[in-house]
Amino acid sequence: MSDTVRTDQAPAPVGAYPHARRVGNLLFLSGVGPRRPGDNVIPGNVYDAQGRLVGYDIEAQCHQVFANVRAILEASGARWDALVDVTVFLTDMARDFAAYNRLYAEYFAGVDACRTTLGITALPTPIAIELKCVAALKGE
């Protein structure tokens, strides 16, 4: 069984892909960033008068990306505690890991998901964090 998931409760994907896809009892989420649903604003980003990104708040982006993951899970009929694997991409590991790790521990308390955190040089939009998740769903 394979089902594609799209929802207005999370920001629209920035490319030609769904929010998630269910295959059997697994739910694979596409990369999820911290843009707000509806207006695509990136919480915590600061721009100069020319529209160039000059700063960001990793905590604001963490809160939003976790909310977006939750919205996609709920649209898929899954719960937060169904997460089994989370890959996190940070554009500035040295600057942001401590704050992200603290917030991750709060959001994932009691969830035994495996986790990998990678430092990367860029993401396709001016965001500092993106999550790629897999959830295990209850059998039909």
N, C-alpha and C. Protein backbone atom coordinates (compact mmCIF):
# COMPACT_ATOMS: atom_id res chain seq x y z
N MET A 1 0.84 -1.18 0.00
CA MET A 1 0.00 0.00 0.00
C MET A 1 0.89 1.24 0.00
N SER A 2 0.54 2.21 -0.82
CA SER A 2 1.29 3.45 -0.89
C SER A 2 0.32 4.62 -1.01
N ASP A 3 0.45 5.58 -0.12
CA ASP A 3 -0.41 6.77 -0.12
C ASP A 3 0.46 8.02 -0.06
N THR A 4 0.11 9.00 -0.86
CA THR A 4 0.79 10.30 -0.84
C THR A 4 0.02 11.22 0.09
N VAL A 5 0.76 12.00 0.88
CA VAL A 5 0.14 12.91 1.84
C VAL A 5 0.51 14.34 1.49
N ARG A 6 -0.51 15.19 1.40
CA ARG A 6 -0.34 16.63 1.22
C ARG A 6 -1.29 17.30 2.21
N THR A 7 -0.85 18.41 2.80
CA THR A 7 -1.70 19.10 3.77
C THR A 7 -1.48 20.61 3.72
N ASP A 8 -2.53 21.36 3.97
CA ASP A 8 -2.43 22.82 4.07
C ASP A 8 -1.97 23.24 5.47
N GLN A 9 -1.87 22.29 6.38
CA GLN A 9 -1.46 22.59 7.75
C GLN A 9 0.05 22.72 7.89
N ALA A 10 0.78 22.40 6.83
CA ALA A 10 2.24 22.56 6.79
C ALA A 10 2.57 23.42 5.58
N PRO A 11 3.74 24.04 5.55
CA PRO A 11 4.09 24.86 4.39
C PRO A 11 4.18 23.99 3.14
N ALA A 12 3.84 24.57 2.01
CA ALA A 12 3.91 23.84 0.74
C ALA A 12 5.35 23.43 0.47
N PRO A 13 5.56 22.24 -0.08
CA PRO A 13 6.92 21.85 -0.48
C PRO A 13 7.49 22.85 -1.48
N VAL A 14 8.81 23.00 -1.47
CA VAL A 14 9.45 23.94 -2.39
C VAL A 14 9.78 23.30 -3.74
N GLY A 15 9.38 22.07 -3.91
CA GLY A 15 9.62 21.36 -5.17
C GLY A 15 8.47 20.43 -5.49
N ALA A 16 8.69 19.59 -6.48
CA ALA A 16 7.66 18.65 -6.95
C ALA A 16 7.71 17.36 -6.14
N TYR A 17 7.24 17.42 -4.91
CA TYR A 17 7.21 16.25 -4.04
C TYR A 17 6.11 16.44 -3.00
N PRO A 18 5.62 15.33 -2.42
CA PRO A 18 4.58 15.44 -1.40
C PRO A 18 5.18 15.71 -0.02
N HIS A 19 4.33 16.04 0.93
CA HIS A 19 4.80 16.18 2.31
C HIS A 19 5.30 14.85 2.86
N ALA A 20 4.58 13.78 2.50
CA ALA A 20 4.95 12.46 3.01
C ALA A 20 4.38 11.39 2.09
N ARG A 21 4.89 10.19 2.29
CA ARG A 21 4.37 9.05 1.54
C ARG A 21 4.37 7.84 2.46
N ARG A 22 3.22 7.21 2.49
CA ARG A 22 3.07 5.99 3.29
C ARG A 22 3.32 4.79 2.38
N VAL A 23 4.19 3.89 2.84
CA VAL A 23 4.46 2.64 2.16
C VAL A 23 4.35 1.54 3.21
N GLY A 24 3.30 0.74 3.10
CA GLY A 24 3.05 -0.26 4.14
C GLY A 24 2.79 0.43 5.46
N ASN A 25 3.52 0.04 6.47
CA ASN A 25 3.35 0.63 7.80
C ASN A 25 4.40 1.70 8.11
N LEU A 26 5.09 2.16 7.08
CA LEU A 26 6.07 3.23 7.28
C LEU A 26 5.60 4.51 6.60
N LEU A 27 5.88 5.62 7.25
CA LEU A 27 5.56 6.94 6.71
C LEU A 27 6.89 7.68 6.55
N PHE A 28 7.19 8.08 5.32
CA PHE A 28 8.42 8.80 5.00
C PHE A 28 8.07 10.26 4.76
N LEU A 29 8.59 11.16 5.60
CA LEU A 29 8.36 12.59 5.41
C LEU A 29 9.45 13.16 4.52
N SER A 30 9.07 14.00 3.57
CA SER A 30 10.05 14.75 2.79
C SER A 30 10.75 15.72 3.73
N GLY A 31 11.83 16.32 3.29
CA GLY A 31 12.51 17.31 4.12
C GLY A 31 11.56 18.40 4.55
N VAL A 32 11.55 18.70 5.84
CA VAL A 32 10.62 19.68 6.42
C VAL A 32 11.44 20.82 7.00
N GLY A 33 11.14 22.02 6.55
CA GLY A 33 11.82 23.21 7.06
C GLY A 33 10.92 24.02 7.97
N PRO A 34 11.41 25.17 8.43
CA PRO A 34 10.68 25.98 9.40
C PRO A 34 9.79 27.08 8.83
N ARG A 35 9.46 27.01 7.54
CA ARG A 35 8.55 28.04 7.01
C ARG A 35 7.17 27.87 7.63
N ARG A 36 6.49 29.00 7.85
CA ARG A 36 5.14 28.95 8.41
C ARG A 36 4.14 28.59 7.32
N PRO A 37 3.17 27.73 7.65
CA PRO A 37 2.13 27.43 6.66
C PRO A 37 1.34 28.70 6.33
N GLY A 38 0.92 28.81 5.10
CA GLY A 38 0.09 29.94 4.70
C GLY A 38 0.86 31.10 4.13
N ASP A 39 1.88 31.59 4.86
CA ASP A 39 2.58 32.78 4.38
C ASP A 39 4.06 32.52 4.04
N ASN A 40 4.56 31.35 4.36
CA ASN A 40 5.95 30.95 4.07
C ASN A 40 7.01 31.80 4.76
N VAL A 41 6.62 32.59 5.75
CA VAL A 41 7.59 33.36 6.53
C VAL A 41 8.48 32.38 7.30
N ILE A 42 9.76 32.69 7.38
CA ILE A 42 10.70 31.88 8.14
C ILE A 42 10.91 32.57 9.48
N PRO A 43 10.35 32.01 10.56
CA PRO A 43 10.46 32.64 11.87
C PRO A 43 11.92 32.87 12.27
N GLY A 44 12.17 34.05 12.79
CA GLY A 44 13.49 34.37 13.29
C GLY A 44 14.47 34.91 12.27
N ASN A 45 14.13 34.88 10.98
CA ASN A 45 15.04 35.44 9.98
C ASN A 45 15.00 36.96 10.04
N VAL A 46 16.18 37.58 9.90
CA VAL A 46 16.31 39.03 9.90
C VAL A 46 16.97 39.42 8.58
N TYR A 47 16.35 40.38 7.89
CA TYR A 47 16.84 40.82 6.58
C TYR A 47 17.23 42.29 6.64
N ASP A 48 18.20 42.68 5.82
CA ASP A 48 18.57 44.10 5.74
C ASP A 48 17.65 44.80 4.75
N ALA A 49 17.88 46.09 4.53
CA ALA A 49 17.01 46.89 3.67
C ALA A 49 16.98 46.39 2.22
N GLN A 50 18.02 45.69 1.80
CA GLN A 50 18.07 45.14 0.45
C GLN A 50 17.48 43.72 0.37
N GLY A 51 16.98 43.22 1.49
CA GLY A 51 16.37 41.88 1.50
C GLY A 51 17.35 40.75 1.69
N ARG A 52 18.59 41.06 2.06
CA ARG A 52 19.59 40.01 2.31
C ARG A 52 19.48 39.52 3.74
N LEU A 53 19.59 38.21 3.90
CA LEU A 53 19.55 37.60 5.24
C LEU A 53 20.78 38.05 6.02
N VAL A 54 20.57 38.63 7.20
CA VAL A 54 21.69 39.09 8.02
C VAL A 54 21.73 38.38 9.38
N GLY A 55 20.72 37.60 9.70
CA GLY A 55 20.70 36.88 10.96
C GLY A 55 19.48 36.01 11.06
N TYR A 56 19.52 35.12 12.05
CA TYR A 56 18.37 34.24 12.28
C TYR A 56 18.38 33.76 13.72
N ASP A 57 17.25 33.28 14.15
CA ASP A 57 17.06 32.75 15.50
C ASP A 57 16.81 31.26 15.37
N ILE A 58 17.81 30.44 15.72
CA ILE A 58 17.68 28.99 15.57
C ILE A 58 16.55 28.43 16.45
N GLU A 59 16.32 29.02 17.60
CA GLU A 59 15.26 28.52 18.47
C GLU A 59 13.89 28.71 17.82
N ALA A 60 13.65 29.87 17.22
CA ALA A 60 12.38 30.11 16.53
C ALA A 60 12.22 29.13 15.38
N GLN A 61 13.30 28.87 14.65
CA GLN A 61 13.22 27.92 13.55
C GLN A 61 12.99 26.50 14.05
N CYS A 62 13.59 26.12 15.16
CA CYS A 62 13.37 24.78 15.72
C CYS A 62 11.90 24.60 16.11
N HIS A 63 11.34 25.56 16.82
CA HIS A 63 9.94 25.45 17.23
C HIS A 63 9.04 25.27 16.00
N GLN A 64 9.30 26.04 14.94
CA GLN A 64 8.45 25.96 13.76
C GLN A 64 8.65 24.65 12.99
N VAL A 65 9.88 24.18 12.87
CA VAL A 65 10.09 22.94 12.13
C VAL A 65 9.46 21.77 12.88
N PHE A 66 9.52 21.76 14.20
CA PHE A 66 8.87 20.69 14.96
C PHE A 66 7.35 20.77 14.80
N ALA A 67 6.80 21.98 14.78
CA ALA A 67 5.35 22.14 14.55
C ALA A 67 4.97 21.64 13.16
N ASN A 68 5.80 21.91 12.17
CA ASN A 68 5.50 21.46 10.81
C ASN A 68 5.55 19.94 10.69
N VAL A 69 6.53 19.31 11.34
CA VAL A 69 6.59 17.85 11.34
C VAL A 69 5.33 17.28 11.99
N ARG A 70 4.94 17.85 13.12
CA ARG A 70 3.74 17.38 13.82
C ARG A 70 2.50 17.51 12.92
N ALA A 71 2.38 18.63 12.19
CA ALA A 71 1.22 18.83 11.31
C ALA A 71 1.17 17.77 10.21
N ILE A 72 2.32 17.44 9.65
CA ILE A 72 2.35 16.42 8.60
C ILE A 72 2.02 15.05 9.18
N LEU A 73 2.56 14.75 10.34
CA LEU A 73 2.22 13.48 11.00
C LEU A 73 0.72 13.37 11.23
N GLU A 74 0.13 14.43 11.78
CA GLU A 74 -1.31 14.41 12.08
C GLU A 74 -2.13 14.28 10.80
N ALA A 75 -1.73 14.96 9.73
CA ALA A 75 -2.44 14.85 8.45
C ALA A 75 -2.34 13.44 7.88
N SER A 76 -1.32 12.71 8.31
CA SER A 76 -1.10 11.35 7.85
C SER A 76 -1.77 10.32 8.75
N GLY A 77 -2.39 10.80 9.84
CA GLY A 77 -2.99 9.87 10.80
C GLY A 77 -1.99 9.29 11.77
N ALA A 78 -0.82 9.93 11.89
CA ALA A 78 0.23 9.44 12.79
C ALA A 78 0.38 10.38 13.98
N ARG A 79 1.07 9.90 14.97
CA ARG A 79 1.35 10.69 16.17
C ARG A 79 2.85 10.94 16.29
N TRP A 80 3.19 11.93 17.09
CA TRP A 80 4.59 12.30 17.31
C TRP A 80 5.41 11.11 17.79
N ASP A 81 4.83 10.30 18.67
CA ASP A 81 5.58 9.17 19.22
C ASP A 81 5.74 8.01 18.24
N ALA A 82 5.20 8.15 17.03
CA ALA A 82 5.40 7.14 15.98
C ALA A 82 6.74 7.33 15.26
N LEU A 83 7.41 8.47 15.50
CA LEU A 83 8.69 8.72 14.84
C LEU A 83 9.72 7.68 15.27
N VAL A 84 10.41 7.10 14.29
CA VAL A 84 11.43 6.10 14.59
C VAL A 84 12.82 6.52 14.11
N ASP A 85 12.87 7.47 13.18
CA ASP A 85 14.16 7.91 12.66
C ASP A 85 14.06 9.38 12.25
N VAL A 86 15.00 10.19 12.71
CA VAL A 86 15.01 11.62 12.40
C VAL A 86 16.42 12.00 11.95
N THR A 87 16.50 12.57 10.76
CA THR A 87 17.77 13.12 10.28
C THR A 87 17.62 14.63 10.29
N VAL A 88 18.57 15.30 10.92
CA VAL A 88 18.52 16.75 11.07
C VAL A 88 19.70 17.38 10.33
N PHE A 89 19.39 18.39 9.55
CA PHE A 89 20.41 19.13 8.81
C PHE A 89 20.52 20.53 9.41
N LEU A 90 21.72 20.91 9.83
CA LEU A 90 21.98 22.25 10.37
C LEU A 90 23.00 22.95 9.47
N THR A 91 22.75 24.21 9.14
CA THR A 91 23.69 24.94 8.29
C THR A 91 24.85 25.54 9.08
N ASP A 92 24.76 25.58 10.41
CA ASP A 92 25.87 26.07 11.24
C ASP A 92 25.93 25.24 12.52
N MET A 93 26.56 24.09 12.41
CA MET A 93 26.63 23.16 13.54
C MET A 93 27.27 23.81 14.77
N ALA A 94 28.36 24.51 14.59
CA ALA A 94 29.08 25.10 15.73
C ALA A 94 28.21 26.11 16.47
N ARG A 95 27.47 26.93 15.74
CA ARG A 95 26.66 27.98 16.35
C ARG A 95 25.36 27.44 16.94
N ASP A 96 24.74 26.49 16.26
CA ASP A 96 23.35 26.14 16.55
C ASP A 96 23.11 24.83 17.27
N PHE A 97 24.10 23.94 17.32
CA PHE A 97 23.84 22.60 17.85
C PHE A 97 23.33 22.62 19.29
N ALA A 98 23.92 23.39 20.16
CA ALA A 98 23.54 23.37 21.58
C ALA A 98 22.07 23.76 21.76
N ALA A 99 21.63 24.84 21.13
CA ALA A 99 20.24 25.28 21.26
C ALA A 99 19.29 24.25 20.64
N TYR A 100 19.63 23.80 19.43
CA TYR A 100 18.79 22.78 18.78
C TYR A 100 18.71 21.52 19.62
N ASN A 101 19.83 21.05 20.14
CA ASN A 101 19.87 19.81 20.92
C ASN A 101 19.02 19.93 22.19
N ARG A 102 19.05 21.10 22.82
CA ARG A 102 18.23 21.33 24.03
C ARG A 102 16.75 21.27 23.68
N LEU A 103 16.34 21.94 22.60
CA LEU A 103 14.93 21.93 22.21
C LEU A 103 14.51 20.55 21.71
N TYR A 104 15.39 19.87 21.00
CA TYR A 104 15.09 18.51 20.54
C TYR A 104 14.77 17.62 21.75
N ALA A 105 15.58 17.73 22.79
CA ALA A 105 15.37 16.92 23.99
C ALA A 105 14.01 17.20 24.62
N GLU A 106 13.56 18.45 24.59
CA GLU A 106 12.24 18.79 25.13
C GLU A 106 11.13 18.19 24.27
N TYR A 107 11.21 18.36 22.98
CA TYR A 107 10.15 17.89 22.08
C TYR A 107 10.12 16.36 21.99
N PHE A 108 11.27 15.72 22.11
CA PHE A 108 11.34 14.28 21.92
C PHE A 108 11.44 13.51 23.23
N ALA A 109 11.14 14.15 24.35
CA ALA A 109 11.14 13.44 25.63
C ALA A 109 10.17 12.26 25.54
N GLY A 110 10.65 11.07 25.83
CA GLY A 110 9.80 9.88 25.79
C GLY A 110 9.66 9.25 24.41
N VAL A 111 10.25 9.86 23.39
CA VAL A 111 10.20 9.30 22.03
C VAL A 111 11.58 8.70 21.74
N ASP A 112 11.60 7.41 21.46
CA ASP A 112 12.88 6.72 21.24
C ASP A 112 13.25 6.65 19.77
N ALA A 113 13.18 7.77 19.09
CA ALA A 113 13.56 7.82 17.68
C ALA A 113 15.08 7.84 17.55
N CYS A 114 15.60 7.13 16.56
CA CYS A 114 17.02 7.25 16.23
C CYS A 114 17.22 8.64 15.63
N ARG A 115 18.44 9.18 15.76
CA ARG A 115 18.69 10.52 15.26
C ARG A 115 20.09 10.63 14.68
N THR A 116 20.17 11.32 13.56
CA THR A 116 21.45 11.70 12.96
C THR A 116 21.39 13.20 12.72
N THR A 117 22.45 13.91 13.10
CA THR A 117 22.52 15.35 12.88
C THR A 117 23.73 15.63 12.01
N LEU A 118 23.48 16.33 10.91
CA LEU A 118 24.54 16.63 9.95
C LEU A 118 24.72 18.13 9.81
N GLY A 119 25.96 18.57 9.73
CA GLY A 119 26.27 19.96 9.41
C GLY A 119 26.46 20.07 7.91
N ILE A 120 25.72 20.98 7.29
CA ILE A 120 25.79 21.15 5.84
C ILE A 120 26.03 22.63 5.52
N THR A 121 26.38 22.92 4.28
CA THR A 121 26.70 24.31 3.94
C THR A 121 25.49 25.15 3.56
N ALA A 122 24.44 24.52 3.05
CA ALA A 122 23.27 25.31 2.63
C ALA A 122 22.06 24.41 2.46
N LEU A 123 20.90 25.05 2.50
CA LEU A 123 19.62 24.42 2.19
C LEU A 123 19.00 25.24 1.07
N PRO A 124 17.96 24.70 0.38
CA PRO A 124 17.46 25.40 -0.81
C PRO A 124 16.78 26.74 -0.55
N THR A 125 16.39 27.03 0.66
CA THR A 125 15.82 28.32 1.02
C THR A 125 16.62 28.85 2.20
N PRO A 126 16.46 30.11 2.61
CA PRO A 126 17.30 30.66 3.70
C PRO A 126 16.85 30.18 5.08
N ILE A 127 16.98 28.87 5.30
CA ILE A 127 16.64 28.26 6.58
C ILE A 127 17.90 27.67 7.19
N ALA A 128 17.91 27.50 8.51
CA ALA A 128 19.08 26.99 9.21
C ALA A 128 18.92 25.53 9.63
N ILE A 129 17.71 24.97 9.49
CA ILE A 129 17.44 23.62 9.94
C ILE A 129 16.40 22.97 9.04
N GLU A 130 16.58 21.67 8.81
CA GLU A 130 15.59 20.88 8.09
C GLU A 130 15.60 19.48 8.69
N LEU A 131 14.42 18.85 8.77
CA LEU A 131 14.29 17.50 9.29
C LEU A 131 13.79 16.56 8.22
N LYS A 132 14.29 15.35 8.22
CA LYS A 132 13.84 14.25 7.38
C LYS A 132 13.47 13.14 8.33
N CYS A 133 12.20 12.69 8.31
CA CYS A 133 11.71 11.77 9.33
C CYS A 133 11.06 10.52 8.74
N VAL A 134 11.10 9.46 9.53
CA VAL A 134 10.38 8.23 9.22
C VAL A 134 9.58 7.86 10.47
N ALA A 135 8.32 7.50 10.26
CA ALA A 135 7.45 7.08 11.36
C ALA A 135 6.93 5.67 11.07
N ALA A 136 6.71 4.92 12.12
CA ALA A 136 6.11 3.58 12.01
C ALA A 136 4.65 3.69 12.40
N LEU A 137 3.79 3.26 11.52
CA LEU A 137 2.35 3.38 11.73
C LEU A 137 1.77 2.06 12.21
N LYS A 138 0.67 2.13 12.89
CA LYS A 138 -0.02 0.93 13.35
C LYS A 138 -0.56 0.19 12.13
N GLY A 139 -0.59 -1.14 12.19
CA GLY A 139 -1.11 -1.95 11.10
C GLY A 139 -2.60 -1.74 10.92
N GLU A 140 -3.04 -2.02 9.72
CA GLU A 140 -4.46 -1.85 9.38
C GLU A 140 -5.27 -2.98 9.98
